[in-house]
N, C-alpha and C. Protein backbone atom coordinates (compact mmCIF):
# COMPACT_ATOMS: atom_id res chain seq x y z
N MET A 1 101.84 89.09 114.35
CA MET A 1 100.71 88.91 113.47
C MET A 1 100.32 90.28 112.92
N ILE A 2 100.03 90.32 111.65
CA ILE A 2 99.57 91.53 110.99
C ILE A 2 98.17 91.28 110.47
N VAL A 3 97.28 92.22 110.74
CA VAL A 3 95.90 92.12 110.28
C VAL A 3 95.57 93.41 109.55
N PHE A 4 95.03 93.29 108.36
CA PHE A 4 94.57 94.45 107.60
C PHE A 4 93.05 94.46 107.64
N THR A 5 92.47 95.58 107.98
CA THR A 5 91.01 95.70 107.98
C THR A 5 90.61 97.15 107.80
N HIS A 6 89.46 97.35 107.25
CA HIS A 6 88.89 98.69 107.14
C HIS A 6 87.87 98.92 108.25
N ASP A 7 87.60 97.88 109.03
CA ASP A 7 86.57 97.90 110.06
C ASP A 7 87.17 98.41 111.38
N ASN A 8 86.61 99.45 111.94
CA ASN A 8 87.13 100.03 113.18
C ASN A 8 86.86 99.17 114.41
N ARG A 9 85.99 98.18 114.28
CA ARG A 9 85.65 97.36 115.45
C ARG A 9 86.86 96.60 115.99
N LEU A 10 87.77 96.18 115.13
CA LEU A 10 88.95 95.47 115.61
C LEU A 10 89.81 96.39 116.47
N ALA A 11 90.08 97.59 115.99
CA ALA A 11 90.86 98.55 116.77
C ALA A 11 90.15 98.88 118.08
N ASP A 12 88.83 99.05 118.03
CA ASP A 12 88.07 99.32 119.25
C ASP A 12 88.20 98.18 120.25
N ALA A 13 88.09 96.94 119.76
CA ALA A 13 88.21 95.78 120.64
C ALA A 13 89.60 95.69 121.25
N VAL A 14 90.62 95.97 120.47
CA VAL A 14 91.99 95.94 120.97
C VAL A 14 92.14 96.96 122.09
N ARG A 15 91.59 98.15 121.90
CA ARG A 15 91.67 99.20 122.93
C ARG A 15 90.85 98.82 124.16
N GLN A 16 89.63 98.34 123.96
CA GLN A 16 88.75 98.00 125.08
C GLN A 16 89.33 96.90 125.94
N LEU A 17 90.00 95.97 125.32
CA LEU A 17 90.56 94.84 126.05
C LEU A 17 92.00 95.08 126.50
N SER A 18 92.51 96.28 126.22
CA SER A 18 93.89 96.66 126.60
C SER A 18 94.91 95.67 126.08
N ILE A 19 94.73 95.24 124.84
CA ILE A 19 95.68 94.32 124.21
C ILE A 19 96.82 95.14 123.62
N PRO A 20 98.06 94.82 123.96
CA PRO A 20 99.17 95.57 123.38
C PRO A 20 99.21 95.36 121.86
N ALA A 21 99.16 96.44 121.13
CA ALA A 21 99.18 96.34 119.67
C ALA A 21 99.57 97.68 119.09
N SER A 22 100.11 97.63 117.89
CA SER A 22 100.36 98.85 117.12
C SER A 22 99.30 98.91 116.04
N ILE A 23 98.58 100.00 116.02
CA ILE A 23 97.52 100.17 115.03
C ILE A 23 98.00 101.24 114.05
N LEU A 24 98.05 100.84 112.80
CA LEU A 24 98.52 101.75 111.76
C LEU A 24 97.36 102.08 110.83
N GLU A 25 97.40 103.28 110.33
CA GLU A 25 96.40 103.75 109.38
C GLU A 25 97.08 103.92 108.03
N VAL A 26 96.50 103.35 107.02
CA VAL A 26 97.04 103.45 105.67
C VAL A 26 96.08 104.31 104.85
N THR A 27 96.62 105.35 104.24
CA THR A 27 95.81 106.27 103.45
C THR A 27 96.41 106.41 102.06
N ARG A 28 95.57 106.36 101.06
CA ARG A 28 96.05 106.60 99.70
C ARG A 28 95.84 108.07 99.39
N ARG A 29 96.91 108.72 99.04
CA ARG A 29 96.92 110.16 98.74
C ARG A 29 96.81 110.37 97.24
N PRO A 30 96.68 111.64 96.83
CA PRO A 30 96.66 111.93 95.38
C PRO A 30 97.88 111.34 94.69
N GLY A 31 97.68 110.91 93.48
CA GLY A 31 98.78 110.30 92.71
C GLY A 31 99.09 108.90 93.20
N SER A 32 98.18 108.28 93.93
CA SER A 32 98.33 106.93 94.47
C SER A 32 99.48 106.80 95.46
N ALA A 33 99.91 107.91 96.03
CA ALA A 33 100.94 107.85 97.07
C ALA A 33 100.31 107.26 98.33
N VAL A 34 100.99 106.32 98.97
CA VAL A 34 100.48 105.67 100.16
C VAL A 34 101.17 106.26 101.39
N GLN A 35 100.37 106.62 102.37
CA GLN A 35 100.90 107.15 103.62
C GLN A 35 100.51 106.20 104.74
N VAL A 36 101.48 105.82 105.56
CA VAL A 36 101.24 104.97 106.72
C VAL A 36 101.62 105.77 107.95
N ARG A 37 100.70 105.81 108.91
CA ARG A 37 101.00 106.53 110.15
C ARG A 37 100.36 105.81 111.33
N THR A 38 100.94 106.02 112.49
CA THR A 38 100.41 105.43 113.70
C THR A 38 99.05 106.04 113.98
N CYS A 39 98.10 105.18 114.26
CA CYS A 39 96.74 105.62 114.57
C CYS A 39 96.67 105.84 116.07
N LEU A 40 96.41 107.05 116.45
CA LEU A 40 96.31 107.37 117.87
C LEU A 40 94.96 106.93 118.40
N ASP A 41 94.93 106.64 119.68
CA ASP A 41 93.63 106.32 120.26
C ASP A 41 92.79 107.60 120.26
N PRO A 42 91.47 107.47 120.29
CA PRO A 42 90.60 108.65 120.18
C PRO A 42 90.86 109.71 121.25
N VAL A 43 91.18 109.28 122.45
CA VAL A 43 91.45 110.23 123.53
C VAL A 43 92.68 111.06 123.19
N GLU A 44 93.75 110.38 122.83
CA GLU A 44 95.00 111.07 122.53
C GLU A 44 94.85 111.99 121.33
N GLN A 45 94.12 111.56 120.31
CA GLN A 45 93.94 112.39 119.12
C GLN A 45 93.24 113.71 119.46
N VAL A 46 92.19 113.62 120.26
CA VAL A 46 91.44 114.83 120.62
C VAL A 46 92.30 115.76 121.48
N LEU A 47 93.07 115.18 122.40
CA LEU A 47 93.94 116.02 123.24
C LEU A 47 95.04 116.68 122.41
N ARG A 48 95.57 115.96 121.44
CA ARG A 48 96.58 116.58 120.55
C ARG A 48 95.95 117.72 119.74
N ASP A 49 94.73 117.50 119.26
CA ASP A 49 94.04 118.57 118.53
C ASP A 49 93.84 119.80 119.41
N ALA A 50 93.42 119.57 120.65
CA ALA A 50 93.22 120.69 121.59
C ALA A 50 94.54 121.42 121.84
N GLY A 51 95.60 120.66 122.04
CA GLY A 51 96.91 121.27 122.27
C GLY A 51 97.39 122.07 121.06
N ALA A 52 97.15 121.53 119.88
CA ALA A 52 97.56 122.23 118.66
C ALA A 52 96.78 123.53 118.50
N LEU A 53 95.48 123.49 118.78
CA LEU A 53 94.68 124.71 118.70
C LEU A 53 95.13 125.74 119.73
N ALA A 54 95.42 125.28 120.94
CA ALA A 54 95.85 126.20 121.99
C ALA A 54 97.19 126.86 121.64
N ALA A 55 98.03 126.14 120.90
CA ALA A 55 99.34 126.67 120.53
C ALA A 55 99.32 127.50 119.25
N ASP A 56 98.23 127.44 118.50
CA ASP A 56 98.13 128.12 117.21
C ASP A 56 97.65 129.56 117.39
N GLY A 57 98.56 130.48 117.26
CA GLY A 57 98.24 131.89 117.42
C GLY A 57 97.32 132.45 116.35
N SER A 58 97.15 131.73 115.25
CA SER A 58 96.28 132.24 114.18
C SER A 58 94.80 131.95 114.44
N VAL A 59 94.51 131.10 115.43
CA VAL A 59 93.12 130.81 115.78
C VAL A 59 92.60 131.93 116.65
N PRO A 60 91.50 132.58 116.26
CA PRO A 60 90.96 133.67 117.09
C PRO A 60 90.69 133.17 118.52
N SER A 61 91.04 133.99 119.50
CA SER A 61 90.94 133.57 120.90
C SER A 61 89.51 133.21 121.30
N GLU A 62 88.52 133.91 120.75
CA GLU A 62 87.13 133.58 121.11
C GLU A 62 86.71 132.22 120.54
N VAL A 63 87.28 131.85 119.40
CA VAL A 63 87.00 130.54 118.82
C VAL A 63 87.70 129.46 119.65
N ALA A 64 88.95 129.67 119.96
CA ALA A 64 89.70 128.70 120.77
C ALA A 64 89.04 128.50 122.13
N ALA A 65 88.57 129.56 122.74
CA ALA A 65 87.95 129.48 124.07
C ALA A 65 86.64 128.72 124.06
N ARG A 66 86.02 128.57 122.90
CA ARG A 66 84.79 127.78 122.79
C ARG A 66 85.07 126.35 122.35
N VAL A 67 86.08 126.17 121.50
CA VAL A 67 86.34 124.86 120.90
C VAL A 67 87.19 123.96 121.81
N ILE A 68 88.23 124.49 122.38
CA ILE A 68 89.18 123.67 123.15
C ILE A 68 88.53 122.99 124.35
N PRO A 69 87.70 123.68 125.14
CA PRO A 69 87.04 122.95 126.24
C PRO A 69 86.18 121.79 125.74
N GLY A 70 85.53 121.95 124.61
CA GLY A 70 84.73 120.86 124.04
C GLY A 70 85.59 119.69 123.62
N LEU A 71 86.74 119.97 123.02
CA LEU A 71 87.66 118.88 122.65
C LEU A 71 88.16 118.15 123.89
N CYS A 72 88.53 118.91 124.91
CA CYS A 72 89.03 118.29 126.14
C CYS A 72 87.93 117.47 126.81
N ARG A 73 86.71 117.98 126.79
CA ARG A 73 85.59 117.22 127.37
C ARG A 73 85.36 115.93 126.58
N THR A 74 85.50 116.01 125.27
CA THR A 74 85.36 114.81 124.44
C THR A 74 86.39 113.76 124.85
N ALA A 75 87.60 114.18 125.14
CA ALA A 75 88.64 113.25 125.58
C ALA A 75 88.28 112.61 126.92
N VAL A 76 87.76 113.40 127.84
CA VAL A 76 87.37 112.88 129.15
C VAL A 76 86.19 111.91 128.99
N GLU A 77 85.22 112.27 128.16
CA GLU A 77 84.10 111.36 127.91
C GLU A 77 84.58 110.04 127.32
N ALA A 78 85.53 110.12 126.40
CA ALA A 78 86.07 108.90 125.78
C ALA A 78 86.82 108.06 126.81
N ALA A 79 87.54 108.70 127.73
CA ALA A 79 88.26 107.96 128.77
C ALA A 79 87.27 107.27 129.72
N PHE A 80 86.19 107.96 130.09
CA PHE A 80 85.16 107.32 130.91
C PHE A 80 84.52 106.16 130.16
N THR A 81 84.26 106.34 128.87
CA THR A 81 83.65 105.29 128.07
C THR A 81 84.55 104.07 127.99
N GLU A 82 85.86 104.28 127.79
CA GLU A 82 86.81 103.18 127.79
C GLU A 82 86.75 102.41 129.11
N ALA A 83 86.72 103.16 130.20
CA ALA A 83 86.69 102.54 131.53
C ALA A 83 85.42 101.71 131.70
N ILE A 84 84.30 102.22 131.25
CA ILE A 84 83.04 101.50 131.36
C ILE A 84 83.10 100.20 130.57
N TRP A 85 83.63 100.26 129.35
CA TRP A 85 83.75 99.05 128.54
C TRP A 85 84.61 98.01 129.27
N ARG A 86 85.76 98.43 129.76
CA ARG A 86 86.65 97.49 130.44
C ARG A 86 85.97 96.88 131.67
N GLN A 87 85.38 97.74 132.50
CA GLN A 87 84.74 97.27 133.73
C GLN A 87 83.62 96.29 133.42
N GLN A 88 82.77 96.66 132.49
CA GLN A 88 81.59 95.84 132.24
C GLN A 88 81.93 94.56 131.47
N LEU A 89 82.91 94.60 130.59
CA LEU A 89 83.34 93.36 129.93
C LEU A 89 83.93 92.39 130.95
N ARG A 90 84.73 92.91 131.86
CA ARG A 90 85.31 92.06 132.89
C ARG A 90 84.23 91.46 133.80
N ALA A 91 83.14 92.21 133.98
CA ALA A 91 82.03 91.73 134.82
C ALA A 91 81.15 90.74 134.07
N GLY A 92 81.48 90.46 132.80
CA GLY A 92 80.73 89.48 132.03
C GLY A 92 79.50 90.02 131.33
N ARG A 93 79.39 91.34 131.23
CA ARG A 93 78.23 91.93 130.55
C ARG A 93 78.36 91.72 129.05
N ARG A 94 77.22 91.59 128.41
CA ARG A 94 77.19 91.45 126.95
C ARG A 94 77.36 92.83 126.31
N HIS A 95 77.84 92.82 125.08
CA HIS A 95 78.08 94.07 124.35
C HIS A 95 76.81 94.89 124.22
N ASP A 96 75.69 94.25 123.93
CA ASP A 96 74.45 95.01 123.76
C ASP A 96 74.02 95.64 125.09
N GLU A 97 74.28 94.98 126.20
CA GLU A 97 73.95 95.55 127.51
C GLU A 97 74.82 96.78 127.80
N ILE A 98 76.09 96.65 127.47
CA ILE A 98 77.01 97.77 127.68
C ILE A 98 76.60 98.95 126.82
N GLU A 99 76.28 98.68 125.56
CA GLU A 99 75.84 99.75 124.66
C GLU A 99 74.58 100.43 125.20
N ASP A 100 73.64 99.65 125.71
CA ASP A 100 72.42 100.23 126.28
C ASP A 100 72.75 101.12 127.48
N ASN A 101 73.64 100.65 128.36
CA ASN A 101 74.05 101.46 129.51
C ASN A 101 74.71 102.76 129.07
N LEU A 102 75.58 102.65 128.09
CA LEU A 102 76.28 103.83 127.59
C LEU A 102 75.31 104.80 126.93
N GLU A 103 74.39 104.28 126.15
CA GLU A 103 73.41 105.14 125.47
C GLU A 103 72.60 105.94 126.48
N ALA A 104 72.18 105.30 127.55
CA ALA A 104 71.42 105.99 128.59
C ALA A 104 72.27 107.00 129.34
N ALA A 105 73.56 106.69 129.53
CA ALA A 105 74.44 107.57 130.30
C ALA A 105 74.99 108.74 129.50
N ARG A 106 75.01 108.64 128.18
CA ARG A 106 75.64 109.68 127.35
C ARG A 106 74.80 110.95 127.20
N VAL A 107 73.66 111.01 127.86
CA VAL A 107 72.83 112.21 127.73
C VAL A 107 73.55 113.44 128.26
N ARG A 108 74.39 113.24 129.27
CA ARG A 108 75.19 114.33 129.84
C ARG A 108 76.48 113.73 130.39
N LEU A 109 77.42 114.58 130.69
CA LEU A 109 78.71 114.11 131.21
C LEU A 109 78.57 113.46 132.58
N ASN A 110 77.75 114.02 133.45
CA ASN A 110 77.67 113.52 134.82
C ASN A 110 77.18 112.06 134.90
N PRO A 111 76.12 111.66 134.19
CA PRO A 111 75.73 110.25 134.25
C PRO A 111 76.81 109.31 133.70
N LEU A 112 77.52 109.75 132.67
CA LEU A 112 78.60 108.94 132.11
C LEU A 112 79.71 108.77 133.14
N ALA A 113 80.09 109.87 133.78
CA ALA A 113 81.14 109.81 134.81
C ALA A 113 80.67 108.95 135.98
N ALA A 114 79.41 109.08 136.37
CA ALA A 114 78.88 108.28 137.48
C ALA A 114 78.91 106.79 137.14
N LEU A 115 78.55 106.45 135.91
CA LEU A 115 78.58 105.05 135.49
C LEU A 115 80.00 104.50 135.58
N ALA A 116 80.98 105.28 135.15
CA ALA A 116 82.38 104.84 135.20
C ALA A 116 82.90 104.76 136.63
N LEU A 117 82.54 105.74 137.45
CA LEU A 117 83.10 105.83 138.79
C LEU A 117 82.38 104.97 139.82
N THR A 118 81.08 104.75 139.63
CA THR A 118 80.30 104.05 140.66
C THR A 118 79.58 102.81 140.12
N GLY A 119 79.52 102.67 138.79
CA GLY A 119 78.78 101.57 138.21
C GLY A 119 77.31 101.86 138.03
N ASP A 120 76.87 103.08 138.39
CA ASP A 120 75.46 103.45 138.31
C ASP A 120 75.34 104.88 137.80
N ALA A 121 74.74 105.06 136.64
CA ALA A 121 74.62 106.38 136.02
C ALA A 121 73.78 107.34 136.83
N THR A 122 72.97 106.84 137.75
CA THR A 122 72.12 107.73 138.56
C THR A 122 72.85 108.29 139.77
N ASN A 123 74.09 107.91 139.99
CA ASN A 123 74.86 108.39 141.14
C ASN A 123 75.65 109.65 140.82
N GLY A 124 75.06 110.58 140.09
CA GLY A 124 75.76 111.80 139.69
C GLY A 124 76.29 112.62 140.85
N GLY A 125 75.62 112.56 141.99
CA GLY A 125 76.08 113.31 143.16
C GLY A 125 77.38 112.79 143.73
N ASP A 126 77.80 111.60 143.33
CA ASP A 126 79.05 111.02 143.83
C ASP A 126 80.26 111.38 142.97
N VAL A 127 80.02 111.99 141.81
CA VAL A 127 81.11 112.22 140.87
C VAL A 127 82.15 113.19 141.42
N LEU A 128 81.75 114.42 141.77
CA LEU A 128 82.73 115.39 142.25
C LEU A 128 83.44 114.94 143.51
N PRO A 129 82.75 114.38 144.51
CA PRO A 129 83.50 113.90 145.68
C PRO A 129 84.55 112.84 145.31
N ARG A 130 84.23 111.96 144.38
CA ARG A 130 85.21 110.94 143.99
C ARG A 130 86.39 111.55 143.24
N LEU A 131 86.10 112.49 142.34
CA LEU A 131 87.19 113.16 141.62
C LEU A 131 88.04 113.98 142.58
N ASN A 132 87.40 114.69 143.50
CA ASN A 132 88.15 115.49 144.47
C ASN A 132 88.97 114.61 145.41
N ALA A 133 88.52 113.37 145.64
CA ALA A 133 89.31 112.45 146.46
C ALA A 133 90.63 112.11 145.79
N TRP A 134 90.66 112.18 144.47
CA TRP A 134 91.91 111.99 143.73
C TRP A 134 92.80 113.22 143.83
N GLY A 135 92.20 114.35 144.13
CA GLY A 135 92.87 115.64 144.18
C GLY A 135 91.95 116.70 143.60
N HIS A 136 91.88 117.85 144.23
CA HIS A 136 90.94 118.89 143.78
C HIS A 136 91.20 119.35 142.36
N ARG A 137 92.42 119.18 141.88
CA ARG A 137 92.72 119.55 140.49
C ARG A 137 91.79 118.80 139.53
N TYR A 138 91.51 117.54 139.83
CA TYR A 138 90.68 116.72 138.94
C TYR A 138 89.23 117.18 138.97
N GLY A 139 88.71 117.46 140.15
CA GLY A 139 87.35 117.96 140.25
C GLY A 139 87.20 119.32 139.59
N ASP A 140 88.19 120.19 139.79
CA ASP A 140 88.15 121.52 139.18
C ASP A 140 88.18 121.43 137.66
N THR A 141 89.01 120.54 137.14
CA THR A 141 89.10 120.35 135.69
C THR A 141 87.78 119.83 135.15
N TYR A 142 87.21 118.86 135.82
CA TYR A 142 85.92 118.28 135.41
C TYR A 142 84.86 119.38 135.34
N ARG A 143 84.78 120.21 136.38
CA ARG A 143 83.79 121.31 136.38
C ARG A 143 84.06 122.28 135.25
N ALA A 144 85.31 122.62 135.02
CA ALA A 144 85.65 123.56 133.95
C ALA A 144 85.26 123.00 132.59
N LEU A 145 85.48 121.71 132.37
CA LEU A 145 85.13 121.11 131.08
C LEU A 145 83.62 120.98 130.92
N ASN A 146 82.94 120.69 131.99
CA ASN A 146 81.49 120.58 131.93
C ASN A 146 80.87 121.95 131.63
N ARG A 147 81.40 122.99 132.23
CA ARG A 147 80.91 124.35 132.03
C ARG A 147 81.39 124.91 130.69
N GLY A 148 82.60 124.50 130.27
CA GLY A 148 83.24 125.07 129.10
C GLY A 148 82.55 124.80 127.78
N VAL A 149 81.69 123.80 127.73
CA VAL A 149 80.97 123.56 126.48
C VAL A 149 79.72 124.42 126.39
N HIS A 150 79.38 125.10 127.48
CA HIS A 150 78.18 125.94 127.50
C HIS A 150 78.50 127.43 127.46
N VAL A 151 79.66 127.79 127.98
CA VAL A 151 80.09 129.20 128.01
C VAL A 151 81.55 129.28 127.58
N THR A 152 81.97 130.44 127.17
CA THR A 152 83.36 130.64 126.75
C THR A 152 84.28 130.47 127.96
N HIS A 153 85.33 129.68 127.78
CA HIS A 153 86.31 129.47 128.85
C HIS A 153 87.16 130.73 128.98
N ASP A 154 87.29 131.24 130.21
CA ASP A 154 88.04 132.48 130.40
C ASP A 154 89.43 132.27 130.99
N GLY A 155 89.85 131.01 131.14
CA GLY A 155 91.18 130.73 131.69
C GLY A 155 92.19 130.42 130.59
N ASP A 156 93.36 130.00 131.03
CA ASP A 156 94.44 129.65 130.11
C ASP A 156 94.13 128.32 129.43
N LEU A 157 94.09 128.33 128.11
CA LEU A 157 93.68 127.14 127.36
C LEU A 157 94.77 126.06 127.34
N ARG A 158 96.01 126.45 127.38
CA ARG A 158 97.08 125.44 127.45
C ARG A 158 97.03 124.71 128.79
N SER A 159 96.77 125.45 129.86
CA SER A 159 96.64 124.83 131.17
C SER A 159 95.42 123.92 131.23
N LEU A 160 94.32 124.35 130.62
CA LEU A 160 93.12 123.52 130.59
C LEU A 160 93.40 122.21 129.85
N THR A 161 94.11 122.29 128.75
CA THR A 161 94.45 121.09 127.98
C THR A 161 95.35 120.18 128.80
N ALA A 162 96.33 120.74 129.48
CA ALA A 162 97.23 119.94 130.33
C ALA A 162 96.45 119.31 131.49
N ASP A 163 95.53 120.07 132.07
CA ASP A 163 94.73 119.52 133.16
C ASP A 163 93.80 118.41 132.67
N ALA A 164 93.25 118.57 131.47
CA ALA A 164 92.41 117.52 130.89
C ALA A 164 93.23 116.27 130.63
N ARG A 165 94.45 116.45 130.16
CA ARG A 165 95.34 115.32 129.93
C ARG A 165 95.63 114.59 131.25
N ALA A 166 95.83 115.35 132.31
CA ALA A 166 96.08 114.75 133.63
C ALA A 166 94.84 114.00 134.13
N LEU A 167 93.66 114.58 133.92
CA LEU A 167 92.43 113.92 134.34
C LEU A 167 92.23 112.61 133.57
N VAL A 168 92.47 112.64 132.28
CA VAL A 168 92.36 111.43 131.47
C VAL A 168 93.33 110.36 131.97
N ALA A 169 94.56 110.76 132.25
CA ALA A 169 95.56 109.80 132.74
C ALA A 169 95.11 109.20 134.08
N LYS A 170 94.53 110.02 134.93
CA LYS A 170 94.06 109.53 136.23
C LYS A 170 92.88 108.59 136.06
N ILE A 171 91.95 108.92 135.17
CA ILE A 171 90.81 108.04 134.89
C ILE A 171 91.31 106.69 134.40
N ARG A 172 92.24 106.73 133.47
CA ARG A 172 92.77 105.48 132.91
C ARG A 172 93.51 104.66 133.97
N ALA A 173 94.27 105.32 134.82
CA ALA A 173 95.03 104.60 135.85
C ALA A 173 94.11 104.06 136.94
N ALA A 174 93.17 104.86 137.37
CA ALA A 174 92.32 104.48 138.50
C ALA A 174 91.22 103.49 138.10
N LEU A 175 90.76 103.56 136.86
CA LEU A 175 89.61 102.75 136.46
C LEU A 175 89.95 101.65 135.46
N SER A 176 91.24 101.35 135.32
CA SER A 176 91.61 100.32 134.33
C SER A 176 91.53 98.93 134.91
């Protein structure tokens, strides 16, 4: 089945419900040239952007050290958000209830992670122990990304991007 739409809600629903599908983006370029490309999920797109910035030697290091941790954190936030949607839809929650929960939890990373990991945004103290139970690499990455949006990251940005990719993969595997 092929469906054409300009509405992102269909693609979001396909992702939230883990329905196997190929999502293509059609863009009209100058001269009416049409370009069709695979539409990456939001998590993957942000991680690719972070990786491209980390590999681009023309980006000033002080800019990369501020931007890349934010991109990686955005990917982790999106992975937690995906997990929350899946969990709460399966539990029979209505869309407006899920949106309300997400709105309240998005004030900071910790409540969002707590909502995904424990089902309760107020359980922020449980986040690091749960991530560390998966392996200290995950907890360390989470702390680095949480701190990295407030201060310049002083570590290797390619490693940070790889660690964020691993954390996202673990979130998706453990919370799907």
